[in-house]
Amino acid sequence: MSITLNNILSLKRKDIKRSSWIFFSALNNFSPSFFNLLLATILIKKTSFDLWGHYVSFSLFTSLSFFILGFGNKDYLLREFSRAPSDLTKAWQSNFIQRLVFAILLSLLFLLFFSNHFSANAVILVAWVISAFLYKSLDVLIVYKRFFLFSSVLEILGFLAITIIIYIYPAQNFTIDILFLILALVTLVKFLISAYYLKLKIFPLKEILNIKLKGNTLFLSLPYFLPSLIGLLQGKTDLYCVAYFLSSIELGKYQIFMSLLTIPHSIAATIVMPFVKNIYRLPLKTLKKITTILTVIGVIGSLPSMVTIFFIVKLYYDISLSKWMYLLGYFQLIPLFIYFIKINQLFKYNKQYVVTYITLLTGLVSFFLSIIFIPIYNIEGAMIANTITQWITLLLFIIAENYYINNGK
């Protein structure tokens, strides 16, 4: 009896531990979007919508830079760590040094692009990019070691520090340069704390030559990087076009609205992701039932989501948007609930290239629709382009499913 009880208690402890991993992993995934929305509120209340819009304009370039500098950092290294846990530090160092060279080159491009005279604005922006590069380089170690609680606490403390500094800084002297400087310094401090917590010997100079000779990890990680890059560009094409055609104020409004729209998708993905591995084992009949359930959730669940978003936009941010934005927003939410499982089904049958092609094609569709509709209908035009793109994406995944899976091609 005691053995059985111990086994039960052991299983419960394992379940609690796994649940905590899922919870804090989800918290890590949610925190950037959530903190970004809070930052929008703080900046708008502190200064103006115009400054928030300028921040969004610059962040379009910095977020792309952060993603590019993460080249081969997470997916590739997680595989390498699993293959040879004893070589974890060397694998990380090798990858980091190669990406550091890449980061320096990108920083020089930043300086040339944003200023011909190396202004403070460009230098501070580069400082933020480099700080983020250093900090995000440790993400893979956080995930591998499952230090999610530490990471969550650090993110919360970092955001609190940013909030306090913004509030105590005189409003009349607060500029976009000051904001970038605050972000750069706080991010650098988070990197130093994380590096100390992980107890890494980050730059062993005597081993750099040997590390460089281990192989081009950037090239080896290309299969992981390219589909993600295409997906990122496809997802933000409309935002880049809004930044090009419209004012910073309109860009700020659109970014807040789109950030709120991602929350229902993020919640659904967070619930489903821990069970994605089961998709590779389930029969097609069961997967179709799951897709049907997600479709119902998407159609019904998107209604209260849009009502909530309406009140947040109207009452909390004091932004007036047309009824068409909310109607289009509802229809924009639905497709992802339906094609989420279809994407993983294609992965199951080793059809990753099909997902890449569809993502690339719909990215081009989004771009052309955006440059057609945005100059005519402003941010409503961006929503039209985004919504049409989402439904075309769904249609293409249905066609791909029928051709490659149902028909066994």
Foldseek 3Di string as FASTA:
>chain_A
DVVVVVVVVVVVVVVVVVVVLLVLVLLVVCLVLVLLLVVCLLCCVLEHLQQLLVVLLLVVVLVLLLLVLCQLQAPVLLVVCVVPVVCSQLVLLLSLVVSVVVLVVVLVVQQVVPDPVSDLQSVLLSLLSVLSSLLVSCVNVCVNVSVSVVVSVLSVVLSVQLSVVSVVPHSVPDHNSVSSNSNSVSSNVSSVVSCVVVVHPRCPPVCNVVSNVPDDSSVVRVVVRLLVSLLVLLVCLLLNLLSVQHRSSLSSLLVSLVSLLCVVVSVVCSVCVVVLVCLLVDDPVVLVVQLVVLLVCLLVVLVVSLVVSVCCVCPVVVDDDDPLLSVLSSLLRRLCSNCVSLQSVCVSVVNPVLSSVLSNVLSVQLNVQSVVQCNPPNSSSNSVSSSVSSVVSSVSSVVCCCPCPVVVD
